[in-house]
Amino acid sequence: MTSMTVEIPVIQEVMAVENDDLNPFLDPDAEALANKMASFLKSKQGELLEPIRLKGKDSKYYWSIMQKAFCLVKPDAEMYLVPWKQSEKGEYYVYSPHLFWAGQVFLVPKDEIIFIGYN
């Protein structure tokens, strides 16, 4: 038996193992995390939050209702309109899931919001 005939079955076995590794089932913990993250982009009624952008190119400070402080927000950050009543000053509540690694809700004047709609 030559070394070539021995190598081929070994290579085939290694490739079979690697193919199994390329198509694993989603870990239940990862699936639960993905479902939880997706739930943050829906209202309590299950409707998707409307994606928005802010006008302008420069970052601005907006009031964070969670931190109770002004926070710097980039206008091209991922943001969604929260379906709550407007504030006393007529500002909208805007949710950004990626700010400060926890997500934030900001008060933003209506005239600074660009409604981009759903895909």
PDB file of N, CA and C in Angstrom:
ATOM      1  N   MET A   1       0.840  -1.160   0.000  1.00  0.00           N
ATOM      2  CA  MET A   1       0.000   0.000   0.000  1.00  0.00           C
ATOM      3  C   MET A   1       0.896   1.237   0.000  1.00  0.00           C
ATOM      4  N   THR A   2       0.629   2.114  -0.912  1.00  0.00           N
ATOM      5  CA  THR A   2       1.461   3.311  -1.007  1.00  0.00           C
ATOM      6  C   THR A   2       0.919   4.380  -0.060  1.00  0.00           C
ATOM      7  N   SER A   3       1.748   5.369   0.165  1.00  0.00           N
ATOM      8  CA  SER A   3       1.327   6.451   1.061  1.00  0.00           C
ATOM      9  C   SER A   3       0.182   7.259   0.448  1.00  0.00           C
ATOM     10  N   MET A   4       0.097   7.283  -0.867  1.00  0.00           N
ATOM     11  CA  MET A   4      -0.961   8.039  -1.542  1.00  0.00           C
ATOM     12  C   MET A   4      -2.329   7.433  -1.248  1.00  0.00           C
ATOM     13  N   THR A   5      -2.446   6.131  -1.245  1.00  0.00           N
ATOM     14  CA  THR A   5      -3.740   5.494  -0.988  1.00  0.00           C
ATOM     15  C   THR A   5      -4.158   5.645   0.470  1.00  0.00           C
ATOM     16  N   VAL A   6      -3.233   5.804   1.366  1.00  0.00           N
ATOM     17  CA  VAL A   6      -3.549   6.000   2.784  1.00  0.00           C
ATOM     18  C   VAL A   6      -3.970   7.445   3.029  1.00  0.00           C
ATOM     19  N   GLU A   7      -3.365   8.373   2.344  1.00  0.00           N
ATOM     20  CA  GLU A   7      -3.650   9.787   2.566  1.00  0.00           C
ATOM     21  C   GLU A   7      -5.055  10.179   2.122  1.00  0.00           C
ATOM     22  N   ILE A   8      -5.545   9.597   1.057  1.00  0.00           N
ATOM     23  CA  ILE A   8      -6.846   9.984   0.517  1.00  0.00           C
ATOM     24  C   ILE A   8      -7.973   9.717   1.523  1.00  0.00           C
ATOM     25  N   PRO A   9      -8.090   8.525   2.130  1.00  0.00           N
ATOM     26  CA  PRO A   9      -9.159   8.331   3.118  1.00  0.00           C
ATOM     27  C   PRO A   9      -9.014   9.263   4.332  1.00  0.00           C
ATOM     28  N   VAL A  10      -7.786   9.537   4.731  1.00  0.00           N
ATOM     29  CA  VAL A  10      -7.567  10.430   5.870  1.00  0.00           C
ATOM     30  C   VAL A  10      -8.046  11.841   5.526  1.00  0.00           C
ATOM     31  N   ILE A  11      -7.704  12.308   4.337  1.00  0.00           N
ATOM     32  CA  ILE A  11      -8.143  13.636   3.896  1.00  0.00           C
ATOM     33  C   ILE A  11      -9.664  13.689   3.809  1.00  0.00           C
ATOM     34  N   GLN A  12     -10.289  12.630   3.295  1.00  0.00           N
ATOM     35  CA  GLN A  12     -11.745  12.596   3.191  1.00  0.00           C
ATOM     36  C   GLN A  12     -12.400  12.649   4.578  1.00  0.00           C
ATOM     37  N   GLU A  13     -11.814  11.958   5.553  1.00  0.00           N
ATOM     38  CA  GLU A  13     -12.363  11.996   6.912  1.00  0.00           C
ATOM     39  C   GLU A  13     -12.229  13.383   7.518  1.00  0.00           C
ATOM     40  N   VAL A  14     -11.081  14.038   7.298  1.00  0.00           N
ATOM     41  CA  VAL A  14     -10.877  15.382   7.832  1.00  0.00           C
ATOM     42  C   VAL A  14     -11.865  16.351   7.199  1.00  0.00           C
ATOM     43  N   MET A  15     -12.076  16.229   5.885  1.00  0.00           N
ATOM     44  CA  MET A  15     -13.017  17.120   5.207  1.00  0.00           C
ATOM     45  C   MET A  15     -14.441  16.894   5.708  1.00  0.00           C
ATOM     46  N   ALA A  16     -14.812  15.655   6.000  1.00  0.00           N
ATOM     47  CA  ALA A  16     -16.154  15.374   6.506  1.00  0.00           C
ATOM     48  C   ALA A  16     -16.347  16.028   7.870  1.00  0.00           C
ATOM     49  N   VAL A  17     -15.334  15.965   8.719  1.00  0.00           N
ATOM     50  CA  VAL A  17     -15.424  16.593  10.041  1.00  0.00           C
ATOM     51  C   VAL A  17     -15.528  18.107   9.886  1.00  0.00           C
ATOM     52  N   GLU A  18     -14.714  18.693   9.012  1.00  0.00           N
ATOM     53  CA  GLU A  18     -14.746  20.136   8.813  1.00  0.00           C
ATOM     54  C   GLU A  18     -16.078  20.589   8.233  1.00  0.00           C
ATOM     55  N   ASN A  19     -16.689  19.800   7.369  1.00  0.00           N
ATOM     56  CA  ASN A  19     -17.993  20.166   6.813  1.00  0.00           C
ATOM     57  C   ASN A  19     -19.056  20.196   7.907  1.00  0.00           C
ATOM     58  N   ASP A  20     -18.974  19.255   8.854  1.00  0.00           N
ATOM     59  CA  ASP A  20     -19.914  19.276   9.970  1.00  0.00           C
ATOM     60  C   ASP A  20     -19.730  20.545  10.797  1.00  0.00           C
ATOM     61  N   ASP A  21     -18.503  20.999  10.948  1.00  0.00           N
ATOM     62  CA  ASP A  21     -18.232  22.196  11.727  1.00  0.00           C
ATOM     63  C   ASP A  21     -18.730  23.453  11.025  1.00  0.00           C
ATOM     64  N   LEU A  22     -18.840  23.427   9.699  1.00  0.00           N
ATOM     65  CA  LEU A  22     -19.280  24.603   8.969  1.00  0.00           C
ATOM     66  C   LEU A  22     -20.787  24.812   9.038  1.00  0.00           C
ATOM     67  N   ASN A  23     -21.543  23.773   9.338  1.00  0.00           N
ATOM     68  CA  ASN A  23     -22.998  23.886   9.374  1.00  0.00           C
ATOM     69  C   ASN A  23     -23.563  23.489  10.742  1.00  0.00           C
ATOM     70  N   PRO A  24     -23.098  24.122  11.805  1.00  0.00           N
ATOM     71  CA  PRO A  24     -23.618  23.727  13.119  1.00  0.00           C
ATOM     72  C   PRO A  24     -25.016  24.302  13.333  1.00  0.00           C
ATOM     73  N   PHE A  25     -25.771  23.675  14.216  1.00  0.00           N
ATOM     74  CA  PHE A  25     -27.054  24.234  14.617  1.00  0.00           C
ATOM     75  C   PHE A  25     -26.778  25.436  15.499  1.00  0.00           C
ATOM     76  N   LEU A  26     -27.680  26.405  15.490  1.00  0.00           N
ATOM     77  CA  LEU A  26     -27.519  27.598  16.304  1.00  0.00           C
ATOM     78  C   LEU A  26     -27.622  27.216  17.772  1.00  0.00           C
ATOM     79  N   ASP A  27     -26.657  27.635  18.544  1.00  0.00           N
ATOM     80  CA  ASP A  27     -26.646  27.385  19.977  1.00  0.00           C
ATOM     81  C   ASP A  27     -27.927  27.956  20.583  1.00  0.00           C
ATOM     82  N   PRO A  28     -28.616  27.198  21.435  1.00  0.00           N
ATOM     83  CA  PRO A  28     -29.861  27.717  22.028  1.00  0.00           C
ATOM     84  C   PRO A  28     -29.671  29.053  22.754  1.00  0.00           C
ATOM     85  N   ASP A  29     -28.527  29.257  23.386  1.00  0.00           N
ATOM     86  CA  ASP A  29     -28.272  30.527  24.050  1.00  0.00           C
ATOM     87  C   ASP A  29     -28.150  31.661  23.033  1.00  0.00           C
ATOM     88  N   ALA A  30     -27.486  31.403  21.916  1.00  0.00           N
ATOM     89  CA  ALA A  30     -27.335  32.412  20.872  1.00  0.00           C
ATOM     90  C   ALA A  30     -28.688  32.719  20.241  1.00  0.00           C
ATOM     91  N   GLU A  31     -29.507  31.699  20.051  1.00  0.00           N
ATOM     92  CA  GLU A  31     -30.831  31.912  19.469  1.00  0.00           C
ATOM     93  C   GLU A  31     -31.707  32.741  20.415  1.00  0.00           C
ATOM     94  N   ALA A  32     -31.631  32.458  21.705  1.00  0.00           N
ATOM     95  CA  ALA A  32     -32.399  33.231  22.690  1.00  0.00           C
ATOM     96  C   ALA A  32     -31.941  34.684  22.707  1.00  0.00           C
ATOM     97  N   LEU A  33     -30.627  34.902  22.610  1.00  0.00           N
ATOM     98  CA  LEU A  33     -30.095  36.261  22.582  1.00  0.00           C
ATOM     99  C   LEU A  33     -30.563  36.998  21.328  1.00  0.00           C
ATOM    100  N   ALA A  34     -30.517  36.333  20.179  1.00  0.00           N
ATOM    101  CA  ALA A  34     -30.965  36.954  18.928  1.00  0.00           C
ATOM    102  C   ALA A  34     -32.449  37.314  19.005  1.00  0.00           C
ATOM    103  N   ASN A  35     -33.267  36.431  19.574  1.00  0.00           N
ATOM    104  CA  ASN A  35     -34.703  36.715  19.715  1.00  0.00           C
ATOM    105  C   ASN A  35     -34.940  37.884  20.670  1.00  0.00           C
ATOM    106  N   LYS A  36     -34.151  37.949  21.740  1.00  0.00           N
ATOM    107  CA  LYS A  36     -34.297  39.046  22.693  1.00  0.00           C
ATOM    108  C   LYS A  36     -33.909  40.374  22.040  1.00  0.00           C
ATOM    109  N   MET A  37     -32.807  40.380  21.281  1.00  0.00           N
ATOM    110  CA  MET A  37     -32.378  41.598  20.607  1.00  0.00           C
ATOM    111  C   MET A  37     -33.416  42.040  19.573  1.00  0.00           C
ATOM    112  N   ALA A  38     -34.004  41.100  18.856  1.00  0.00           N
ATOM    113  CA  ALA A  38     -35.027  41.430  17.867  1.00  0.00           C
ATOM    114  C   ALA A  38     -36.276  41.995  18.537  1.00  0.00           C
ATOM    115  N   SER A  39     -36.564  41.545  19.754  1.00  0.00           N
ATOM    116  CA  SER A  39     -37.753  42.036  20.452  1.00  0.00           C
ATOM    117  C   SER A  39     -37.617  43.509  20.833  1.00  0.00           C
ATOM    118  N   PHE A  40     -36.388  44.014  20.955  1.00  0.00           N
ATOM    119  CA  PHE A  40     -36.186  45.425  21.279  1.00  0.00           C
ATOM    120  C   PHE A  40     -36.596  46.339  20.127  1.00  0.00           C
ATOM    121  N   LEU A  41     -36.740  45.793  18.946  1.00  0.00           N
ATOM    122  CA  LEU A  41     -37.105  46.593  17.779  1.00  0.00           C
ATOM    123  C   LEU A  41     -38.587  46.481  17.452  1.00  0.00           C
ATOM    124  N   LYS A  42     -39.373  46.007  18.432  1.00  0.00           N
ATOM    125  CA  LYS A  42     -40.818  45.883  18.254  1.00  0.00           C
ATOM    126  C   LYS A  42     -41.520  46.585  19.408  1.00  0.00           C
ATOM    127  N   SER A  43     -42.730  47.058  19.123  1.00  0.00           N
ATOM    128  CA  SER A  43     -43.549  47.651  20.177  1.00  0.00           C
ATOM    129  C   SER A  43     -44.152  46.523  21.021  1.00  0.00           C
ATOM    130  N   LYS A  44     -44.847  46.890  22.087  1.00  0.00           N
ATOM    131  CA  LYS A  44     -45.490  45.876  22.933  1.00  0.00           C
ATOM    132  C   LYS A  44     -46.559  45.101  22.161  1.00  0.00           C
ATOM    133  N   GLN A  45     -47.120  45.731  21.134  1.00  0.00           N
ATOM    134  CA  GLN A  45     -48.138  45.075  20.309  1.00  0.00           C
ATOM    135  C   GLN A  45     -47.506  44.190  19.229  1.00  0.00           C
ATOM    136  N   GLY A  46     -46.177  44.154  19.150  1.00  0.00           N
ATOM    137  CA  GLY A  46     -45.494  43.321  18.177  1.00  0.00           C
ATOM    138  C   GLY A  46     -45.206  44.002  16.856  1.00  0.00           C
ATOM    139  N   GLU A  47     -45.519  45.296  16.748  1.00  0.00           N
ATOM    140  CA  GLU A  47     -45.264  46.017  15.503  1.00  0.00           C
ATOM    141  C   GLU A  47     -43.819  46.510  15.479  1.00  0.00           C
ATOM    142  N   LEU A  48     -43.216  46.485  14.303  1.00  0.00           N
ATOM    143  CA  LEU A  48     -41.837  46.950  14.164  1.00  0.00           C
ATOM    144  C   LEU A  48     -41.748  48.451  14.419  1.00  0.00           C
ATOM    145  N   LEU A  49     -40.663  48.868  15.065  1.00  0.00           N
ATOM    146  CA  LEU A  49     -40.417  50.291  15.249  1.00  0.00           C
ATOM    147  C   LEU A  49     -39.957  50.885  13.925  1.00  0.00           C
ATOM    148  N   GLU A  50     -40.385  52.113  13.641  1.00  0.00           N
ATOM    149  CA  GLU A  50     -40.051  52.750  12.370  1.00  0.00           C
ATOM    150  C   GLU A  50     -38.615  53.268  12.379  1.00  0.00           C
ATOM    151  N   PRO A  51     -37.779  52.849  11.418  1.00  0.00           N
ATOM    152  CA  PRO A  51     -36.396  53.343  11.357  1.00  0.00           C
ATOM    153  C   PRO A  51     -36.356  54.810  10.941  1.00  0.00           C
ATOM    154  N   ILE A  52     -35.439  55.547  11.552  1.00  0.00           N
ATOM    155  CA  ILE A  52     -35.285  56.971  11.256  1.00  0.00           C
ATOM    156  C   ILE A  52     -33.808  57.326  11.178  1.00  0.00           C
ATOM    157  N   ARG A  53     -33.528  58.526  10.718  1.00  0.00           N
ATOM    158  CA  ARG A  53     -32.198  59.145  10.759  1.00  0.00           C
ATOM    159  C   ARG A  53     -32.401  60.564  11.271  1.00  0.00           C
ATOM    160  N   LEU A  54     -31.316  61.191  11.676  1.00  0.00           N
ATOM    161  CA  LEU A  54     -31.387  62.578  12.106  1.00  0.00           C
ATOM    162  C   LEU A  54     -30.815  63.470  11.023  1.00  0.00           C
ATOM    163  N   LYS A  55     -31.350  64.672  10.892  1.00  0.00           N
ATOM    164  CA  LYS A  55     -30.875  65.619   9.894  1.00  0.00           C
ATOM    165  C   LYS A  55     -29.499  66.137  10.277  1.00  0.00           C
ATOM    166  N   GLY A  56     -28.738  66.534   9.269  1.00  0.00           N
ATOM    167  CA  GLY A  56     -27.422  67.093   9.491  1.00  0.00           C
ATOM    168  C   GLY A  56     -26.325  66.043   9.407  1.00  0.00           C
ATOM    169  N   LYS A  57     -25.099  66.534   9.421  1.00  0.00           N
ATOM    170  CA  LYS A  57     -23.937  65.639   9.348  1.00  0.00           C
ATOM    171  C   LYS A  57     -23.150  65.618  10.646  1.00  0.00           C
ATOM    172  N   ASP A  58     -23.374  66.625  11.480  1.00  0.00           N
ATOM    173  CA  ASP A  58     -22.615  66.727  12.726  1.00  0.00           C
ATOM    174  C   ASP A  58     -23.371  66.072  13.873  1.00  0.00           C
ATOM    175  N   SER A  59     -22.611  65.513  14.806  1.00  0.00           N
ATOM    176  CA  SER A  59     -23.208  64.942  16.012  1.00  0.00           C
ATOM    177  C   SER A  59     -23.805  66.052  16.860  1.00  0.00           C
ATOM    178  N   LYS A  60     -24.876  65.723  17.569  1.00  0.00           N
ATOM    179  CA  LYS A  60     -25.546  66.692  18.441  1.00  0.00           C
ATOM    180  C   LYS A  60     -25.855  66.030  19.785  1.00  0.00           C
ATOM    181  N   TYR A  61     -26.092  66.873  20.765  1.00  0.00           N
ATOM    182  CA  TYR A  61     -26.469  66.377  22.084  1.00  0.00           C
ATOM    183  C   TYR A  61     -27.989  66.320  22.191  1.00  0.00           C
ATOM    184  N   TYR A  62     -28.483  65.178  22.699  1.00  0.00           N
ATOM    185  CA  TYR A  62     -29.906  64.992  22.948  1.00  0.00           C
ATOM    186  C   TYR A  62     -30.079  64.445  24.356  1.00  0.00           C
ATOM    187  N   TRP A  63     -31.232  64.738  24.937  1.00  0.00           N
ATOM    188  CA  TRP A  63     -31.510  64.302  26.292  1.00  0.00           C
ATOM    189  C   TRP A  63     -31.826  62.803  26.306  1.00  0.00           C
ATOM    190  N   SER A  64     -31.060  62.050  27.097  1.00  0.00           N
ATOM    191  CA  SER A  64     -31.299  60.627  27.275  1.00  0.00           C
ATOM    192  C   SER A  64     -32.190  60.449  28.499  1.00  0.00           C
ATOM    193  N   ILE A  65     -33.366  59.853  28.296  1.00  0.00           N
ATOM    194  CA  ILE A  65     -34.264  59.673  29.428  1.00  0.00           C
ATOM    195  C   ILE A  65     -33.772  58.568  30.362  1.00  0.00           C
ATOM    196  N   MET A  66     -32.877  57.711  29.877  1.00  0.00           N
ATOM    197  CA  MET A  66     -32.365  56.627  30.707  1.00  0.00           C
ATOM    198  C   MET A  66     -31.204  57.092  31.586  1.00  0.00           C
ATOM    199  N   GLN A  67     -30.334  57.916  31.021  1.00  0.00           N
ATOM    200  CA  GLN A  67     -29.193  58.412  31.790  1.00  0.00           C
ATOM    201  C   GLN A  67     -29.478  59.741  32.469  1.00  0.00           C
ATOM    202  N   LYS A  68     -30.601  60.361  32.097  1.00  0.00           N
ATOM    203  CA  LYS A  68     -30.976  61.669  32.634  1.00  0.00           C
ATOM    204  C   LYS A  68     -29.834  62.673  32.465  1.00  0.00           C
ATOM    205  N   ALA A  69     -29.323  62.693  31.245  1.00  0.00           N
ATOM    206  CA  ALA A  69     -28.222  63.596  30.883  1.00  0.00           C
ATOM    207  C   ALA A  69     -28.211  63.752  29.372  1.00  0.00           C
ATOM    208  N   PHE A  70     -27.539  64.811  28.915  1.00  0.00           N
ATOM    209  CA  PHE A  70     -27.370  64.987  27.481  1.00  0.00           C
ATOM    210  C   PHE A  70     -26.263  64.064  26.996  1.00  0.00           C
ATOM    211  N   CYS A  71     -26.503  63.383  25.870  1.00  0.00           N
ATOM    212  CA  CYS A  71     -25.527  62.468  25.290  1.00  0.00           C
ATOM    213  C   CYS A  71     -25.319  62.829  23.822  1.00  0.00           C
ATOM    214  N   LEU A  72     -24.090  62.676  23.368  1.00  0.00           N
ATOM    215  CA  LEU A  72     -23.741  62.968  21.988  1.00  0.00           C
ATOM    216  C   LEU A  72     -24.226  61.846  21.078  1.00  0.00           C
ATOM    217  N   VAL A  73     -24.963  62.211  20.030  1.00  0.00           N
ATOM    218  CA  VAL A  73     -25.550  61.230  19.111  1.00  0.00           C
ATOM    219  C   VAL A  73     -25.132  61.572  17.693  1.00  0.00           C
ATOM    220  N   LYS A  74     -24.659  60.568  16.969  1.00  0.00           N
ATOM    221  CA  LYS A  74     -24.318  60.752  15.558  1.00  0.00           C
ATOM    222  C   LYS A  74     -25.599  60.644  14.731  1.00  0.00           C
ATOM    223  N   PRO A  75     -25.768  61.504  13.728  1.00  0.00           N
ATOM    224  CA  PRO A  75     -27.020  61.490  12.958  1.00  0.00           C
ATOM    225  C   PRO A  75     -27.220  60.232  12.111  1.00  0.00           C
ATOM    226  N   ASP A  76     -26.132  59.524  11.794  1.00  0.00           N
ATOM    227  CA  ASP A  76     -26.274  58.324  10.966  1.00  0.00           C
ATOM    228  C   ASP A  76     -26.314  57.037  11.790  1.00  0.00           C
ATOM    229  N   ALA A  77     -26.469  57.164  13.105  1.00  0.00           N
ATOM    230  CA  ALA A  77     -26.568  55.976  13.962  1.00  0.00           C
ATOM    231  C   ALA A  77     -27.900  55.266  13.696  1.00  0.00           C
ATOM    232  N   GLU A  78     -27.938  53.981  14.005  1.00  0.00           N
ATOM    233  CA  GLU A  78     -29.178  53.214  13.846  1.00  0.00           C
ATOM    234  C   GLU A  78     -30.170  53.684  14.910  1.00  0.00           C
ATOM    235  N   MET A  79     -31.342  54.161  14.474  1.00  0.00           N
ATOM    236  CA  MET A  79     -32.339  54.687  15.399  1.00  0.00           C
ATOM    237  C   MET A  79     -33.747  54.334  14.944  1.00  0.00           C
ATOM    238  N   TYR A  80     -34.643  54.286  15.917  1.00  0.00           N
ATOM    239  CA  TYR A  80     -36.033  53.923  15.659  1.00  0.00           C
ATOM    240  C   TYR A  80     -36.955  54.846  16.440  1.00  0.00           C
ATOM    241  N   LEU A  81     -38.089  55.165  15.837  1.00  0.00           N
ATOM    242  CA  LEU A  81     -39.093  55.988  16.494  1.00  0.00           C
ATOM    243  C   LEU A  81     -39.892  55.118  17.462  1.00  0.00           C
ATOM    244  N   VAL A  82     -39.961  55.532  18.717  1.00  0.00           N
ATOM    245  CA  VAL A  82     -40.726  54.794  19.727  1.00  0.00           C
ATOM    246  C   VAL A  82     -42.169  55.296  19.684  1.00  0.00           C
ATOM    247  N   PRO A  83     -43.155  54.407  19.614  1.00  0.00           N
ATOM    248  CA  PRO A  83     -44.557  54.838  19.464  1.00  0.00           C
ATOM    249  C   PRO A  83     -45.185  55.300  20.783  1.00  0.00           C
ATOM    250  N   TRP A  84     -44.574  56.275  21.425  1.00  0.00           N
ATOM    251  CA  TRP A  84     -45.112  56.886  22.640  1.00  0.00           C
ATOM    252  C   TRP A  84     -45.632  58.261  22.282  1.00  0.00           C
ATOM    253  N   LYS A  85     -46.423  58.822  23.192  1.00  0.00           N
ATOM    254  CA  LYS A  85     -46.904  60.192  22.998  1.00  0.00           C
ATOM    255  C   LYS A  85     -45.710  61.138  23.012  1.00  0.00           C
ATOM    256  N   GLN A  86     -45.856  62.247  22.332  1.00  0.00           N
ATOM    257  CA  GLN A  86     -44.792  63.254  22.320  1.00  0.00           C
ATOM    258  C   GLN A  86     -44.603  63.817  23.720  1.00  0.00           C
ATOM    259  N   SER A  87     -43.410  64.346  23.959  1.00  0.00           N
ATOM    260  CA  SER A  87     -43.134  64.964  25.253  1.00  0.00           C
ATOM    261  C   SER A  87     -43.922  66.270  25.373  1.00  0.00           C
ATOM    262  N   GLU A  88     -43.832  66.897  26.525  1.00  0.00           N
ATOM    263  CA  GLU A  88     -44.531  68.165  26.749  1.00  0.00           C
ATOM    264  C   GLU A  88     -44.060  69.252  25.783  1.00  0.00           C
ATOM    265  N   LYS A  89     -42.819  69.137  25.317  1.00  0.00           N
ATOM    266  CA  LYS A  89     -42.244  70.118  24.383  1.00  0.00           C
ATOM    267  C   LYS A  89     -42.467  69.714  22.926  1.00  0.00           C
ATOM    268  N   GLY A  90     -43.201  68.629  22.689  1.00  0.00           N
ATOM    269  CA  GLY A  90     -43.459  68.179  21.324  1.00  0.00           C
ATOM    270  C   GLY A  90     -42.328  67.370  20.719  1.00  0.00           C
ATOM    271  N   GLU A  91     -41.446  66.834  21.553  1.00  0.00           N
ATOM    272  CA  GLU A  91     -40.326  66.026  21.057  1.00  0.00           C
ATOM    273  C   GLU A  91     -40.745  64.558  20.972  1.00  0.00           C
ATOM    274  N   TYR A  92     -40.111  63.847  20.052  1.00  0.00           N
ATOM    275  CA  TYR A  92     -40.367  62.426  19.889  1.00  0.00           C
ATOM    276  C   TYR A  92     -39.350  61.609  20.678  1.00  0.00           C
ATOM    277  N   TYR A  93     -39.767  60.407  21.057  1.00  0.00           N
ATOM    278  CA  TYR A  93     -38.860  59.474  21.712  1.00  0.00           C
ATOM    279  C   TYR A  93     -38.221  58.612  20.633  1.00  0.00           C
ATOM    280  N   VAL A  94     -36.902  58.568  20.648  1.00  0.00           N
ATOM    281  CA  VAL A  94     -36.130  57.839  19.644  1.00  0.00           C
ATOM    282  C   VAL A  94     -35.242  56.830  20.360  1.00  0.00           C
ATOM    283  N   TYR A  95     -35.269  55.591  19.881  1.00  0.00           N
ATOM    284  CA  TYR A  95     -34.477  54.505  20.480  1.00  0.00           C
ATOM    285  C   TYR A  95     -33.298  54.170  19.584  1.00  0.00           C
ATOM    286  N   SER A  96     -32.122  54.079  20.180  1.00  0.00           N
ATOM    287  CA  SER A  96     -30.927  53.631  19.467  1.00  0.00           C
ATOM    288  C   SER A  96     -30.374  52.419  20.209  1.00  0.00           C
ATOM    289  N   PRO A  97     -30.381  51.230  19.580  1.00  0.00           N
ATOM    290  CA  PRO A  97     -29.981  50.016  20.284  1.00  0.00           C
ATOM    291  C   PRO A  97     -28.488  49.874  20.519  1.00  0.00           C
ATOM    292  N   HIS A  98     -27.651  50.651  19.853  1.00  0.00           N
ATOM    293  CA  HIS A  98     -26.208  50.413  19.941  1.00  0.00           C
ATOM    294  C   HIS A  98     -25.439  51.482  20.684  1.00  0.00           C
ATOM    295  N   LEU A  99     -26.089  52.438  21.273  1.00  0.00           N
ATOM    296  CA  LEU A  99     -25.358  53.475  21.998  1.00  0.00           C
ATOM    297  C   LEU A  99     -25.065  53.013  23.417  1.00  0.00           C
ATOM    298  N   PHE A 100     -23.840  53.161  23.805  1.00  0.00           N
ATOM    299  CA  PHE A 100     -23.389  52.818  25.157  1.00  0.00           C
ATOM    300  C   PHE A 100     -23.624  51.352  25.486  1.00  0.00           C
ATOM    301  N   TRP A 101     -23.625  50.481  24.507  1.00  0.00           N
ATOM    302  CA  TRP A 101     -23.733  49.033  24.632  1.00  0.00           C
ATOM    303  C   TRP A 101     -25.015  48.559  25.296  1.00  0.00           C
ATOM    304  N   ALA A 102     -25.948  49.456  25.538  1.00  0.00           N
ATOM    305  CA  ALA A 102     -27.176  49.034  26.194  1.00  0.00           C
ATOM    306  C   ALA A 102     -28.412  49.568  25.499  1.00  0.00           C
ATOM    307  N   GLY A 103     -28.233  50.503  24.593  1.00  0.00           N
ATOM    308  CA  GLY A 103     -29.361  51.150  23.964  1.00  0.00           C
ATOM    309  C   GLY A 103     -29.797  52.348  24.793  1.00  0.00           C
ATOM    310  N   GLN A 104     -30.299  53.352  24.109  1.00  0.00           N
ATOM    311  CA  GLN A 104     -30.726  54.576  24.774  1.00  0.00           C
ATOM    312  C   GLN A 104     -31.998  55.081  24.128  1.00  0.00           C
ATOM    313  N   VAL A 105     -32.781  55.812  24.911  1.00  0.00           N
ATOM    314  CA  VAL A 105     -33.962  56.492  24.392  1.00  0.00           C
ATOM    315  C   VAL A 105     -33.731  57.982  24.563  1.00  0.00           C
ATOM    316  N   PHE A 106     -33.859  58.705  23.457  1.00  0.00           N
ATOM    317  CA  PHE A 106     -33.584  60.142  23.437  1.00  0.00           C
ATOM    318  C   PHE A 106     -34.841  60.916  23.087  1.00  0.00           C
ATOM    319  N   LEU A 107     -34.866  62.166  23.520  1.00  0.00           N
ATOM    320  CA  LEU A 107     -35.904  63.102  23.089  1.00  0.00           C
ATOM    321  C   LEU A 107     -35.351  63.923  21.939  1.00  0.00           C
ATOM    322  N   VAL A 108     -36.035  63.877  20.789  1.00  0.00           N
ATOM    323  CA  VAL A 108     -35.553  64.556  19.585  1.00  0.00           C
ATOM    324  C   VAL A 108     -36.694  65.389  19.001  1.00  0.00           C
ATOM    325  N   PRO A 109     -36.437  66.667  18.667  1.00  0.00           N
ATOM    326  CA  PRO A 109     -37.464  67.484  18.024  1.00  0.00           C
ATOM    327  C   PRO A 109     -37.892  66.897  16.676  1.00  0.00           C
ATOM    328  N   LYS A 110     -39.178  67.020  16.361  1.00  0.00           N
ATOM    329  CA  LYS A 110     -39.717  66.436  15.131  1.00  0.00           C
ATOM    330  C   LYS A 110     -39.014  66.958  13.889  1.00  0.00           C
ATOM    331  N   ASP A 111     -38.644  68.248  13.873  1.00  0.00           N
ATOM    332  CA  ASP A 111     -38.042  68.831  12.671  1.00  0.00           C
ATOM    333  C   ASP A 111     -36.614  68.345  12.423  1.00  0.00           C
ATOM    334  N   GLU A 112     -36.046  67.576  13.343  1.00  0.00           N
ATOM    335  CA  GLU A 112     -34.704  67.028  13.153  1.00  0.00           C
ATOM    336  C   GLU A 112     -34.718  65.547  12.761  1.00  0.00           C
ATOM    337  N   ILE A 113     -35.910  64.996  12.567  1.00  0.00           N
ATOM    338  CA  ILE A 113     -36.063  63.568  12.257  1.00  0.00           C
ATOM    339  C   ILE A 113     -36.346  63.384  10.771  1.00  0.00           C
ATOM    340  N   ILE A 114     -35.660  62.418  10.169  1.00  0.00           N
ATOM    341  CA  ILE A 114     -35.938  62.009   8.795  1.00  0.00           C
ATOM    342  C   ILE A 114     -36.561  60.611   8.877  1.00  0.00           C
ATOM    343  N   PHE A 115     -37.799  60.493   8.443  1.00  0.00           N
ATOM    344  CA  PHE A 115     -38.494  59.210   8.459  1.00  0.00           C
ATOM    345  C   PHE A 115     -38.090  58.442   7.196  1.00  0.00           C
ATOM    346  N   ILE A 116     -37.335  57.357   7.373  1.00  0.00           N
ATOM    347  CA  ILE A 116     -36.837  56.627   6.201  1.00  0.00           C
ATOM    348  C   ILE A 116     -37.721  55.448   5.840  1.00  0.00           C
ATOM    349  N   GLY A 117     -38.618  55.052   6.709  1.00  0.00           N
ATOM    350  CA  GLY A 117     -39.544  53.967   6.403  1.00  0.00           C
ATOM    351  C   GLY A 117     -38.903  52.595   6.485  1.00  0.00           C
ATOM    352  N   TYR A 118     -39.713  51.601   6.203  1.00  0.00           N
ATOM    353  CA  TYR A 118     -39.261  50.210   6.260  1.00  0.00           C
ATOM    354  C   TYR A 118     -38.659  49.790   4.929  1.00  0.00           C
ATOM    355  N   ASN A 119     -37.852  48.741   4.953  1.00  0.00           N
ATOM    356  CA  ASN A 119     -37.250  48.219   3.713  1.00  0.00           C
ATOM    357  C   ASN A 119     -38.310  47.624   2.832  1.00  0.00           C
TER     358      ASN A 119
END
